[in-house]
Amino acid sequence: MKFHGLRAKKILQDLILDRWISFEIVNTDPYHRLVAIISNENGENINLKMVEGGFAINRYSQYENQKKNYYYPEYRDLINALRNAQEKAKNKNLLLWRDGILPVYGINPVLK
């Protein structure tokens, strides 16, 4: 997992360091981290680029159930784009999806 994190960090740095970016803070998660949408100077969504490459996972955002955390009906199009990008990355077996998702979250599956 550490390798994936370092690689994702490098890709993110390449996408945003020494560049004009804009961000929209959407929320704060239960761990008090900012949830934001980041775009580059060309208007390209950095969040989407990270998910497309298998460097990030769209795990919680949703617009279907207002009673759940991370309910963002105003971002329906972006959430759908993130879901589609994630499915493509998963089907292509890119980075995070190559080794299975459980180790990424520090979950060790019980082997039988």
PDB file of N, CA and C in Angstrom:
ATOM      1  N   MET A   1       0.822  -1.195   0.000  1.00  0.00           N
ATOM      2  CA  MET A   1       0.000   0.000   0.000  1.00  0.00           C
ATOM      3  C   MET A   1       0.864   1.257   0.000  1.00  0.00           C
ATOM      4  N   LYS A   2       1.955   1.236   0.706  1.00  0.00           N
ATOM      5  CA  LYS A   2       2.799   2.422   0.780  1.00  0.00           C
ATOM      6  C   LYS A   2       3.281   2.825  -0.608  1.00  0.00           C
ATOM      7  N   PHE A   3       3.639   1.838  -1.424  1.00  0.00           N
ATOM      8  CA  PHE A   3       4.083   2.120  -2.784  1.00  0.00           C
ATOM      9  C   PHE A   3       2.995   2.861  -3.558  1.00  0.00           C
ATOM     10  N   HIS A   4       1.755   2.389  -3.442  1.00  0.00           N
ATOM     11  CA  HIS A   4       0.651   3.041  -4.154  1.00  0.00           C
ATOM     12  C   HIS A   4       0.489   4.481  -3.700  1.00  0.00           C
ATOM     13  N   GLY A   5       0.591   4.701  -2.407  1.00  0.00           N
ATOM     14  CA  GLY A   5       0.443   6.053  -1.873  1.00  0.00           C
ATOM     15  C   GLY A   5       1.529   6.989  -2.368  1.00  0.00           C
ATOM     16  N   LEU A   6       2.758   6.501  -2.398  1.00  0.00           N
ATOM     17  CA  LEU A   6       3.876   7.321  -2.884  1.00  0.00           C
ATOM     18  C   LEU A   6       3.728   7.622  -4.372  1.00  0.00           C
ATOM     19  N   ARG A   7       3.292   6.632  -5.111  1.00  0.00           N
ATOM     20  CA  ARG A   7       3.106   6.838  -6.555  1.00  0.00           C
ATOM     21  C   ARG A   7       1.969   7.828  -6.820  1.00  0.00           C
ATOM     22  N   ALA A   8       0.874   7.678  -6.098  1.00  0.00           N
ATOM     23  CA  ALA A   8      -0.253   8.604  -6.250  1.00  0.00           C
ATOM     24  C   ALA A   8       0.163  10.023  -5.869  1.00  0.00           C
ATOM     25  N   LYS A   9       0.951  10.146  -4.807  1.00  0.00           N
ATOM     26  CA  LYS A   9       1.432  11.462  -4.383  1.00  0.00           C
ATOM     27  C   LYS A   9       2.265  12.106  -5.488  1.00  0.00           C
ATOM     28  N   LYS A  10       3.141  11.333  -6.112  1.00  0.00           N
ATOM     29  CA  LYS A  10       3.988  11.843  -7.195  1.00  0.00           C
ATOM     30  C   LYS A  10       3.136  12.301  -8.378  1.00  0.00           C
ATOM     31  N   ILE A  11       2.158  11.519  -8.757  1.00  0.00           N
ATOM     32  CA  ILE A  11       1.278  11.885  -9.875  1.00  0.00           C
ATOM     33  C   ILE A  11       0.523  13.162  -9.539  1.00  0.00           C
ATOM     34  N   LEU A  12      -0.015  13.248  -8.326  1.00  0.00           N
ATOM     35  CA  LEU A  12      -0.746  14.446  -7.919  1.00  0.00           C
ATOM     36  C   LEU A  12       0.171  15.666  -7.932  1.00  0.00           C
ATOM     37  N   GLN A  13       1.384  15.510  -7.445  1.00  0.00           N
ATOM     38  CA  GLN A  13       2.339  16.623  -7.482  1.00  0.00           C
ATOM     39  C   GLN A  13       2.593  17.070  -8.918  1.00  0.00           C
ATOM     40  N   ASP A  14       2.761  16.118  -9.818  1.00  0.00           N
ATOM     41  CA  ASP A  14       2.986  16.454 -11.227  1.00  0.00           C
ATOM     42  C   ASP A  14       1.807  17.222 -11.821  1.00  0.00           C
ATOM     43  N   LEU A  15       0.611  16.909 -11.342  1.00  0.00           N
ATOM     44  CA  LEU A  15      -0.592  17.552 -11.875  1.00  0.00           C
ATOM     45  C   LEU A  15      -0.829  18.954 -11.316  1.00  0.00           C
ATOM     46  N   ILE A  16      -0.350  19.225 -10.085  1.00  0.00           N
ATOM     47  CA  ILE A  16      -0.723  20.512  -9.479  1.00  0.00           C
ATOM     48  C   ILE A  16       0.427  21.423  -9.058  1.00  0.00           C
ATOM     49  N   LEU A  17       1.599  20.878  -8.767  1.00  0.00           N
ATOM     50  CA  LEU A  17       2.684  21.741  -8.294  1.00  0.00           C
ATOM     51  C   LEU A  17       3.151  22.700  -9.379  1.00  0.00           C
ATOM     52  N   ASP A  18       3.404  23.929  -8.980  1.00  0.00           N
ATOM     53  CA  ASP A  18       3.869  24.981  -9.892  1.00  0.00           C
ATOM     54  C   ASP A  18       2.883  25.244 -11.026  1.00  0.00           C
ATOM     55  N   ARG A  19       1.610  25.010 -10.761  1.00  0.00           N
ATOM     56  CA  ARG A  19       0.558  25.270 -11.750  1.00  0.00           C
ATOM     57  C   ARG A  19      -0.564  26.054 -11.078  1.00  0.00           C
ATOM     58  N   TRP A  20      -1.319  26.744 -11.900  1.00  0.00           N
ATOM     59  CA  TRP A  20      -2.506  27.418 -11.385  1.00  0.00           C
ATOM     60  C   TRP A  20      -3.588  26.369 -11.212  1.00  0.00           C
ATOM     61  N   ILE A  21      -4.144  26.315 -10.014  1.00  0.00           N
ATOM     62  CA  ILE A  21      -5.259  25.409  -9.762  1.00  0.00           C
ATOM     63  C   ILE A  21      -6.358  26.179  -9.047  1.00  0.00           C
ATOM     64  N   SER A  22      -7.543  25.627  -9.118  1.00  0.00           N
ATOM     65  CA  SER A  22      -8.646  26.164  -8.323  1.00  0.00           C
ATOM     66  C   SER A  22      -9.264  24.988  -7.580  1.00  0.00           C
ATOM     67  N   PHE A  23      -9.851  25.291  -6.457  1.00  0.00           N
ATOM     68  CA  PHE A  23     -10.510  24.229  -5.725  1.00  0.00           C
ATOM     69  C   PHE A  23     -11.773  24.759  -5.075  1.00  0.00           C
ATOM     70  N   GLU A  24     -12.718  23.858  -4.958  1.00  0.00           N
ATOM     71  CA  GLU A  24     -13.991  24.158  -4.306  1.00  0.00           C
ATOM     72  C   GLU A  24     -14.113  23.216  -3.116  1.00  0.00           C
ATOM     73  N   ILE A  25     -14.137  23.786  -1.932  1.00  0.00           N
ATOM     74  CA  ILE A  25     -14.309  22.959  -0.739  1.00  0.00           C
ATOM     75  C   ILE A  25     -15.780  22.582  -0.648  1.00  0.00           C
ATOM     76  N   VAL A  26     -16.021  21.280  -0.632  1.00  0.00           N
ATOM     77  CA  VAL A  26     -17.378  20.748  -0.653  1.00  0.00           C
ATOM     78  C   VAL A  26     -17.868  20.428   0.751  1.00  0.00           C
ATOM     79  N   ASN A  27     -16.962  19.925   1.580  1.00  0.00           N
ATOM     80  CA  ASN A  27     -17.371  19.466   2.904  1.00  0.00           C
ATOM     81  C   ASN A  27     -16.122  19.181   3.737  1.00  0.00           C
ATOM     82  N   THR A  28     -16.346  18.749   4.950  1.00  0.00           N
ATOM     83  CA  THR A  28     -15.301  18.221   5.816  1.00  0.00           C
ATOM     84  C   THR A  28     -15.731  16.819   6.203  1.00  0.00           C
ATOM     85  N   ASP A  29     -14.807  15.861   6.125  1.00  0.00           N
ATOM     86  CA  ASP A  29     -15.180  14.487   6.446  1.00  0.00           C
ATOM     87  C   ASP A  29     -15.142  14.260   7.962  1.00  0.00           C
ATOM     88  N   PRO A  30     -15.551  13.073   8.423  1.00  0.00           N
ATOM     89  CA  PRO A  30     -15.577  12.804   9.862  1.00  0.00           C
ATOM     90  C   PRO A  30     -14.214  12.928  10.548  1.00  0.00           C
ATOM     91  N   TYR A  31     -13.132  12.899   9.763  1.00  0.00           N
ATOM     92  CA  TYR A  31     -11.782  13.029  10.324  1.00  0.00           C
ATOM     93  C   TYR A  31     -11.267  14.458  10.200  1.00  0.00           C
ATOM     94  N   HIS A  32     -12.160  15.382   9.863  1.00  0.00           N
ATOM     95  CA  HIS A  32     -11.865  16.814   9.746  1.00  0.00           C
ATOM     96  C   HIS A  32     -10.939  17.148   8.573  1.00  0.00           C
ATOM     97  N   ARG A  33     -10.931  16.283   7.552  1.00  0.00           N
ATOM     98  CA  ARG A  33     -10.179  16.574   6.332  1.00  0.00           C
ATOM     99  C   ARG A  33     -11.114  17.279   5.363  1.00  0.00           C
ATOM    100  N   LEU A  34     -10.561  18.181   4.583  1.00  0.00           N
ATOM    101  CA  LEU A  34     -11.365  18.884   3.589  1.00  0.00           C
ATOM    102  C   LEU A  34     -11.656  17.976   2.408  1.00  0.00           C
ATOM    103  N   VAL A  35     -12.897  18.011   1.963  1.00  0.00           N
ATOM    104  CA  VAL A  35     -13.303  17.321   0.741  1.00  0.00           C
ATOM    105  C   VAL A  35     -13.435  18.420  -0.302  1.00  0.00           C
ATOM    106  N   ALA A  36     -12.660  18.317  -1.375  1.00  0.00           N
ATOM    107  CA  ALA A  36     -12.618  19.407  -2.356  1.00  0.00           C
ATOM    108  C   ALA A  36     -12.587  18.876  -3.778  1.00  0.00           C
ATOM    109  N   ILE A  37     -13.031  19.716  -4.682  1.00  0.00           N
ATOM    110  CA  ILE A  37     -12.929  19.455  -6.116  1.00  0.00           C
ATOM    111  C   ILE A  37     -11.814  20.359  -6.625  1.00  0.00           C
ATOM    112  N   ILE A  38     -10.819  19.750  -7.257  1.00  0.00           N
ATOM    113  CA  ILE A  38      -9.646  20.495  -7.721  1.00  0.00           C
ATOM    114  C   ILE A  38      -9.619  20.495  -9.241  1.00  0.00           C
ATOM    115  N   SER A  39      -9.383  21.675  -9.820  1.00  0.00           N
ATOM    116  CA  SER A  39      -9.282  21.812 -11.274  1.00  0.00           C
ATOM    117  C   SER A  39      -7.987  22.524 -11.625  1.00  0.00           C
ATOM    118  N   ASN A  40      -7.444  22.209 -12.800  1.00  0.00           N
ATOM    119  CA  ASN A  40      -6.232  22.902 -13.245  1.00  0.00           C
ATOM    120  C   ASN A  40      -6.596  24.133 -14.062  1.00  0.00           C
ATOM    121  N   GLU A  41      -5.565  24.799 -14.599  1.00  0.00           N
ATOM    122  CA  GLU A  41      -5.781  26.047 -15.337  1.00  0.00           C
ATOM    123  C   GLU A  41      -6.599  25.852 -16.612  1.00  0.00           C
ATOM    124  N   ASN A  42      -6.678  24.607 -17.102  1.00  0.00           N
ATOM    125  CA  ASN A  42      -7.472  24.317 -18.300  1.00  0.00           C
ATOM    126  C   ASN A  42      -8.888  23.856 -17.960  1.00  0.00           C
ATOM    127  N   GLY A  43      -9.220  23.861 -16.678  1.00  0.00           N
ATOM    128  CA  GLY A  43     -10.547  23.436 -16.252  1.00  0.00           C
ATOM    129  C   GLY A  43     -10.696  21.931 -16.124  1.00  0.00           C
ATOM    130  N   GLU A  44      -9.584  21.196 -16.256  1.00  0.00           N
ATOM    131  CA  GLU A  44      -9.645  19.742 -16.126  1.00  0.00           C
ATOM    132  C   GLU A  44      -9.747  19.365 -14.651  1.00  0.00           C
ATOM    133  N   ASN A  45     -10.593  18.403 -14.359  1.00  0.00           N
ATOM    134  CA  ASN A  45     -10.832  17.977 -12.991  1.00  0.00           C
ATOM    135  C   ASN A  45      -9.722  17.023 -12.543  1.00  0.00           C
ATOM    136  N   ILE A  46      -8.959  17.436 -11.555  1.00  0.00           N
ATOM    137  CA  ILE A  46      -7.838  16.640 -11.056  1.00  0.00           C
ATOM    138  C   ILE A  46      -8.342  15.398 -10.322  1.00  0.00           C
ATOM    139  N   ASN A  47      -9.438  15.524  -9.597  1.00  0.00           N
ATOM    140  CA  ASN A  47     -10.016  14.367  -8.908  1.00  0.00           C
ATOM    141  C   ASN A  47     -10.294  13.256  -9.924  1.00  0.00           C
ATOM    142  N   LEU A  48     -10.909  13.639 -11.034  1.00  0.00           N
ATOM    143  CA  LEU A  48     -11.258  12.683 -12.078  1.00  0.00           C
ATOM    144  C   LEU A  48     -10.006  12.060 -12.688  1.00  0.00           C
ATOM    145  N   LYS A  49      -8.982  12.863 -12.941  1.00  0.00           N
ATOM    146  CA  LYS A  49      -7.732  12.347 -13.506  1.00  0.00           C
ATOM    147  C   LYS A  49      -7.102  11.298 -12.581  1.00  0.00           C
ATOM    148  N   MET A  50      -7.143  11.542 -11.292  1.00  0.00           N
ATOM    149  CA  MET A  50      -6.560  10.598 -10.334  1.00  0.00           C
ATOM    150  C   MET A  50      -7.338   9.279 -10.322  1.00  0.00           C
ATOM    151  N   VAL A  51      -8.663   9.357 -10.375  1.00  0.00           N
ATOM    152  CA  VAL A  51      -9.487   8.148 -10.395  1.00  0.00           C
ATOM    153  C   VAL A  51      -9.292   7.411 -11.720  1.00  0.00           C
ATOM    154  N   GLU A  52      -9.250   8.144 -12.825  1.00  0.00           N
ATOM    155  CA  GLU A  52      -9.059   7.526 -14.148  1.00  0.00           C
ATOM    156  C   GLU A  52      -7.781   6.702 -14.214  1.00  0.00           C
ATOM    157  N   GLY A  53      -6.735   7.178 -13.575  1.00  0.00           N
ATOM    158  CA  GLY A  53      -5.456   6.482 -13.614  1.00  0.00           C
ATOM    159  C   GLY A  53      -5.317   5.368 -12.591  1.00  0.00           C
ATOM    160  N   GLY A  54      -6.334   5.197 -11.759  1.00  0.00           N
ATOM    161  CA  GLY A  54      -6.256   4.182 -10.718  1.00  0.00           C
ATOM    162  C   GLY A  54      -5.430   4.624  -9.521  1.00  0.00           C
ATOM    163  N   PHE A  55      -5.196   5.943  -9.403  1.00  0.00           N
ATOM    164  CA  PHE A  55      -4.404   6.486  -8.302  1.00  0.00           C
ATOM    165  C   PHE A  55      -5.269   6.912  -7.125  1.00  0.00           C
ATOM    166  N   ALA A  56      -6.568   6.968  -7.318  1.00  0.00           N
ATOM    167  CA  ALA A  56      -7.502   7.390  -6.271  1.00  0.00           C
ATOM    168  C   ALA A  56      -8.796   6.603  -6.434  1.00  0.00           C
ATOM    169  N   ILE A  57      -9.555   6.559  -5.361  1.00  0.00           N
ATOM    170  CA  ILE A  57     -10.808   5.807  -5.341  1.00  0.00           C
ATOM    171  C   ILE A  57     -11.941   6.745  -4.956  1.00  0.00           C
ATOM    172  N   ASN A  58     -13.034   6.639  -5.670  1.00  0.00           N
ATOM    173  CA  ASN A  58     -14.253   7.360  -5.304  1.00  0.00           C
ATOM    174  C   ASN A  58     -15.073   6.393  -4.458  1.00  0.00           C
ATOM    175  N   ARG A  59     -14.966   6.539  -3.161  1.00  0.00           N
ATOM    176  CA  ARG A  59     -15.573   5.537  -2.286  1.00  0.00           C
ATOM    177  C   ARG A  59     -16.914   5.955  -1.707  1.00  0.00           C
ATOM    178  N   TYR A  60     -17.090   7.200  -1.354  1.00  0.00           N
ATOM    179  CA  TYR A  60     -18.263   7.575  -0.571  1.00  0.00           C
ATOM    180  C   TYR A  60     -19.261   8.494  -1.260  1.00  0.00           C
ATOM    181  N   SER A  61     -18.836   9.323  -2.161  1.00  0.00           N
ATOM    182  CA  SER A  61     -19.750  10.334  -2.709  1.00  0.00           C
ATOM    183  C   SER A  61     -20.954   9.677  -3.367  1.00  0.00           C
ATOM    184  N   GLN A  62     -22.115  10.253  -3.116  1.00  0.00           N
ATOM    185  CA  GLN A  62     -23.347   9.718  -3.687  1.00  0.00           C
ATOM    186  C   GLN A  62     -24.412  10.803  -3.693  1.00  0.00           C
ATOM    187  N   TYR A  63     -25.427  10.602  -4.515  1.00  0.00           N
ATOM    188  CA  TYR A  63     -26.520  11.568  -4.603  1.00  0.00           C
ATOM    189  C   TYR A  63     -27.881  10.898  -4.445  1.00  0.00           C
ATOM    190  N   GLU A  64     -27.889   9.600  -4.138  1.00  0.00           N
ATOM    191  CA  GLU A  64     -29.148   8.862  -4.088  1.00  0.00           C
ATOM    192  C   GLU A  64     -29.873   8.949  -2.748  1.00  0.00           C
ATOM    193  N   ASN A  65     -29.150   9.016  -1.658  1.00  0.00           N
ATOM    194  CA  ASN A  65     -29.773   8.921  -0.342  1.00  0.00           C
ATOM    195  C   ASN A  65     -29.343  10.091   0.541  1.00  0.00           C
ATOM    196  N   GLN A  66     -30.265  11.008   0.774  1.00  0.00           N
ATOM    197  CA  GLN A  66     -29.928  12.205   1.548  1.00  0.00           C
ATOM    198  C   GLN A  66     -29.667  11.912   3.020  1.00  0.00           C
ATOM    199  N   LYS A  67     -30.011  10.730   3.491  1.00  0.00           N
ATOM    200  CA  LYS A  67     -29.776  10.395   4.893  1.00  0.00           C
ATOM    201  C   LYS A  67     -28.350   9.911   5.144  1.00  0.00           C
ATOM    202  N   LYS A  68     -27.610   9.650   4.085  1.00  0.00           N
ATOM    203  CA  LYS A  68     -26.237   9.161   4.237  1.00  0.00           C
ATOM    204  C   LYS A  68     -25.245  10.305   4.171  1.00  0.00           C
ATOM    205  N   ASN A  69     -24.071  10.066   4.755  1.00  0.00           N
ATOM    206  CA  ASN A  69     -22.976  11.031   4.643  1.00  0.00           C
ATOM    207  C   ASN A  69     -22.572  11.161   3.183  1.00  0.00           C
ATOM    208  N   TYR A  70     -21.924  12.236   2.881  1.00  0.00           N
ATOM    209  CA  TYR A  70     -21.404  12.480   1.531  1.00  0.00           C
ATOM    210  C   TYR A  70     -22.521  12.491   0.487  1.00  0.00           C
ATOM    211  N   TYR A  71     -23.646  13.069   0.852  1.00  0.00           N
ATOM    212  CA  TYR A  71     -24.783  13.225  -0.060  1.00  0.00           C
ATOM    213  C   TYR A  71     -24.607  14.536  -0.805  1.00  0.00           C
ATOM    214  N   TYR A  72     -24.381  14.459  -2.118  1.00  0.00           N
ATOM    215  CA  TYR A  72     -24.112  15.645  -2.924  1.00  0.00           C
ATOM    216  C   TYR A  72     -24.961  15.640  -4.193  1.00  0.00           C
ATOM    217  N   PRO A  73     -26.247  15.934  -4.096  1.00  0.00           N
ATOM    218  CA  PRO A  73     -27.083  15.899  -5.301  1.00  0.00           C
ATOM    219  C   PRO A  73     -26.657  16.922  -6.345  1.00  0.00           C
ATOM    220  N   GLU A  74     -26.048  18.018  -5.918  1.00  0.00           N
ATOM    221  CA  GLU A  74     -25.635  19.059  -6.859  1.00  0.00           C
ATOM    222  C   GLU A  74     -24.422  18.630  -7.692  1.00  0.00           C
ATOM    223  N   TYR A  75     -23.790  17.525  -7.311  1.00  0.00           N
ATOM    224  CA  TYR A  75     -22.617  17.029  -8.048  1.00  0.00           C
ATOM    225  C   TYR A  75     -22.910  15.713  -8.764  1.00  0.00           C
ATOM    226  N   ARG A  76     -24.159  15.505  -9.116  1.00  0.00           N
ATOM    227  CA  ARG A  76     -24.580  14.261  -9.767  1.00  0.00           C
ATOM    228  C   ARG A  76     -23.723  13.941 -10.991  1.00  0.00           C
ATOM    229  N   ASP A  77     -23.503  14.913 -11.870  1.00  0.00           N
ATOM    230  CA  ASP A  77     -22.725  14.656 -13.089  1.00  0.00           C
ATOM    231  C   ASP A  77     -21.285  14.270 -12.764  1.00  0.00           C
ATOM    232  N   LEU A  78     -20.681  14.969 -11.826  1.00  0.00           N
ATOM    233  CA  LEU A  78     -19.309  14.648 -11.442  1.00  0.00           C
ATOM    234  C   LEU A  78     -19.238  13.267 -10.790  1.00  0.00           C
ATOM    235  N   ILE A  79     -20.169  12.966  -9.919  1.00  0.00           N
ATOM    236  CA  ILE A  79     -20.184  11.653  -9.261  1.00  0.00           C
ATOM    237  C   ILE A  79     -20.325  10.550 -10.295  1.00  0.00           C
ATOM    238  N   ASN A  80     -21.199  10.745 -11.272  1.00  0.00           N
ATOM    239  CA  ASN A  80     -21.344   9.743 -12.334  1.00  0.00           C
ATOM    240  C   ASN A  80     -20.055   9.603 -13.136  1.00  0.00           C
ATOM    241  N   ALA A  81     -19.396  10.717 -13.434  1.00  0.00           N
ATOM    242  CA  ALA A  81     -18.124  10.672 -14.170  1.00  0.00           C
ATOM    243  C   ALA A  81     -17.069   9.934 -13.348  1.00  0.00           C
ATOM    244  N   LEU A  82     -17.022  10.202 -12.045  1.00  0.00           N
ATOM    245  CA  LEU A  82     -16.070   9.507 -11.172  1.00  0.00           C
ATOM    246  C   LEU A  82     -16.368   8.012 -11.112  1.00  0.00           C
ATOM    247  N   ARG A  83     -17.630   7.658 -11.021  1.00  0.00           N
ATOM    248  CA  ARG A  83     -18.009   6.241 -10.988  1.00  0.00           C
ATOM    249  C   ARG A  83     -17.626   5.542 -12.286  1.00  0.00           C
ATOM    250  N   ASN A  84     -17.898   6.198 -13.415  1.00  0.00           N
ATOM    251  CA  ASN A  84     -17.542   5.608 -14.712  1.00  0.00           C
ATOM    252  C   ASN A  84     -16.034   5.459 -14.850  1.00  0.00           C
ATOM    253  N   ALA A  85     -15.292   6.483 -14.449  1.00  0.00           N
ATOM    254  CA  ALA A  85     -13.828   6.437 -14.526  1.00  0.00           C
ATOM    255  C   ALA A  85     -13.283   5.328 -13.628  1.00  0.00           C
ATOM    256  N   GLN A  86     -13.872   5.190 -12.470  1.00  0.00           N
ATOM    257  CA  GLN A  86     -13.421   4.156 -11.542  1.00  0.00           C
ATOM    258  C   GLN A  86     -13.689   2.766 -12.101  1.00  0.00           C
ATOM    259  N   GLU A  87     -14.842   2.585 -12.700  1.00  0.00           N
ATOM    260  CA  GLU A  87     -15.176   1.283 -13.286  1.00  0.00           C
ATOM    261  C   GLU A  87     -14.205   0.935 -14.418  1.00  0.00           C
ATOM    262  N   LYS A  88     -13.860   1.936 -15.230  1.00  0.00           N
ATOM    263  CA  LYS A  88     -12.893   1.710 -16.316  1.00  0.00           C
ATOM    264  C   LYS A  88     -11.518   1.370 -15.755  1.00  0.00           C
ATOM    265  N   ALA A  89     -11.080   2.090 -14.732  1.00  0.00           N
ATOM    266  CA  ALA A  89      -9.780   1.809 -14.107  1.00  0.00           C
ATOM    267  C   ALA A  89      -9.775   0.402 -13.505  1.00  0.00           C
ATOM    268  N   LYS A  90     -10.892   0.043 -12.913  1.00  0.00           N
ATOM    269  CA  LYS A  90     -11.017  -1.288 -12.321  1.00  0.00           C
ATOM    270  C   LYS A  90     -10.960  -2.361 -13.404  1.00  0.00           C
ATOM    271  N   ASN A  91     -11.681  -2.152 -14.496  1.00  0.00           N
ATOM    272  CA  ASN A  91     -11.696  -3.117 -15.599  1.00  0.00           C
ATOM    273  C   ASN A  91     -10.334  -3.241 -16.276  1.00  0.00           C
ATOM    274  N   LYS A  92      -9.573  -2.142 -16.295  1.00  0.00           N
ATOM    275  CA  LYS A  92      -8.230  -2.155 -16.891  1.00  0.00           C
ATOM    276  C   LYS A  92      -7.175  -2.650 -15.900  1.00  0.00           C
ATOM    277  N   ASN A  93      -7.614  -2.912 -14.660  1.00  0.00           N
ATOM    278  CA  ASN A  93      -6.720  -3.418 -13.626  1.00  0.00           C
ATOM    279  C   ASN A  93      -5.589  -2.434 -13.323  1.00  0.00           C
ATOM    280  N   LEU A  94      -5.927  -1.147 -13.270  1.00  0.00           N
ATOM    281  CA  LEU A  94      -4.925  -0.116 -13.028  1.00  0.00           C
ATOM    282  C   LEU A  94      -4.553  -0.040 -11.552  1.00  0.00           C
ATOM    283  N   LEU A  95      -3.372   0.412 -11.301  1.00  0.00           N
ATOM    284  CA  LEU A  95      -2.707   0.561 -10.013  1.00  0.00           C
ATOM    285  C   LEU A  95      -3.443   0.017  -8.785  1.00  0.00           C
ATOM    286  N   LEU A  96      -4.335   0.792  -8.195  1.00  0.00           N
ATOM    287  CA  LEU A  96      -4.989   0.365  -6.962  1.00  0.00           C
ATOM    288  C   LEU A  96      -5.829  -0.886  -7.157  1.00  0.00           C
ATOM    289  N   TRP A  97      -6.322  -1.098  -8.345  1.00  0.00           N
ATOM    290  CA  TRP A  97      -7.192  -2.234  -8.616  1.00  0.00           C
ATOM    291  C   TRP A  97      -6.386  -3.485  -8.937  1.00  0.00           C
ATOM    292  N   ARG A  98      -5.128  -3.325  -9.254  1.00  0.00           N
ATOM    293  CA  ARG A  98      -4.278  -4.454  -9.633  1.00  0.00           C
ATOM    294  C   ARG A  98      -4.080  -5.425  -8.471  1.00  0.00           C
ATOM    295  N   ASP A  99      -3.856  -4.897  -7.289  1.00  0.00           N
ATOM    296  CA  ASP A  99      -3.563  -5.741  -6.132  1.00  0.00           C
ATOM    297  C   ASP A  99      -4.783  -6.002  -5.260  1.00  0.00           C
ATOM    298  N   GLY A 100      -5.927  -5.579  -5.709  1.00  0.00           N
ATOM    299  CA  GLY A 100      -7.132  -5.722  -4.904  1.00  0.00           C
ATOM    300  C   GLY A 100      -7.288  -4.517  -3.987  1.00  0.00           C
ATOM    301  N   ILE A 101      -8.486  -4.222  -3.643  1.00  0.00           N
ATOM    302  CA  ILE A 101      -8.779  -3.000  -2.908  1.00  0.00           C
ATOM    303  C   ILE A 101      -8.587  -3.154  -1.399  1.00  0.00           C
ATOM    304  N   LEU A 102      -8.712  -4.344  -0.867  1.00  0.00           N
ATOM    305  CA  LEU A 102      -8.622  -4.526   0.579  1.00  0.00           C
ATOM    306  C   LEU A 102      -7.292  -4.056   1.158  1.00  0.00           C
ATOM    307  N   PRO A 103      -6.141  -4.394   0.558  1.00  0.00           N
ATOM    308  CA  PRO A 103      -4.881  -3.915   1.131  1.00  0.00           C
ATOM    309  C   PRO A 103      -4.747  -2.389   1.139  1.00  0.00           C
ATOM    310  N   VAL A 104      -5.409  -1.721   0.221  1.00  0.00           N
ATOM    311  CA  VAL A 104      -5.340  -0.263   0.159  1.00  0.00           C
ATOM    312  C   VAL A 104      -5.892   0.353   1.434  1.00  0.00           C
ATOM    313  N   TYR A 105      -6.913  -0.270   1.994  1.00  0.00           N
ATOM    314  CA  TYR A 105      -7.531   0.245   3.208  1.00  0.00           C
ATOM    315  C   TYR A 105      -6.969  -0.404   4.468  1.00  0.00           C
ATOM    316  N   GLY A 106      -5.872  -1.147   4.326  1.00  0.00           N
ATOM    317  CA  GLY A 106      -5.252  -1.772   5.485  1.00  0.00           C
ATOM    318  C   GLY A 106      -6.018  -2.968   6.004  1.00  0.00           C
ATOM    319  N   ILE A 107      -6.854  -3.556   5.156  1.00  0.00           N
ATOM    320  CA  ILE A 107      -7.636  -4.725   5.548  1.00  0.00           C
ATOM    321  C   ILE A 107      -6.926  -5.960   5.004  1.00  0.00           C
ATOM    322  N   ASN A 108      -6.574  -6.858   5.885  1.00  0.00           N
ATOM    323  CA  ASN A 108      -5.938  -8.097   5.456  1.00  0.00           C
ATOM    324  C   ASN A 108      -6.996  -9.184   5.377  1.00  0.00           C
ATOM    325  N   PRO A 109      -7.288  -9.668   4.174  1.00  0.00           N
ATOM    326  CA  PRO A 109      -8.309 -10.703   4.048  1.00  0.00           C
ATOM    327  C   PRO A 109      -7.853 -11.996   4.730  1.00  0.00           C
ATOM    328  N   VAL A 110      -8.798 -12.710   5.293  1.00  0.00           N
ATOM    329  CA  VAL A 110      -8.495 -13.988   5.926  1.00  0.00           C
ATOM    330  C   VAL A 110      -8.357 -15.021   4.820  1.00  0.00           C
ATOM    331  N   LEU A 111      -7.206 -15.639   4.771  1.00  0.00           N
ATOM    332  CA  LEU A 111      -6.966 -16.673   3.765  1.00  0.00           C
ATOM    333  C   LEU A 111      -7.357 -18.023   4.335  1.00  0.00           C
ATOM    334  N   LYS A 112      -8.046 -18.810   3.529  1.00  0.00           N
ATOM    335  CA  LYS A 112      -8.483 -20.140   3.995  1.00  0.00           C
ATOM    336  C   LYS A 112      -7.649 -21.209   3.345  1.00  0.00           C
TER     337      LYS A 112
END
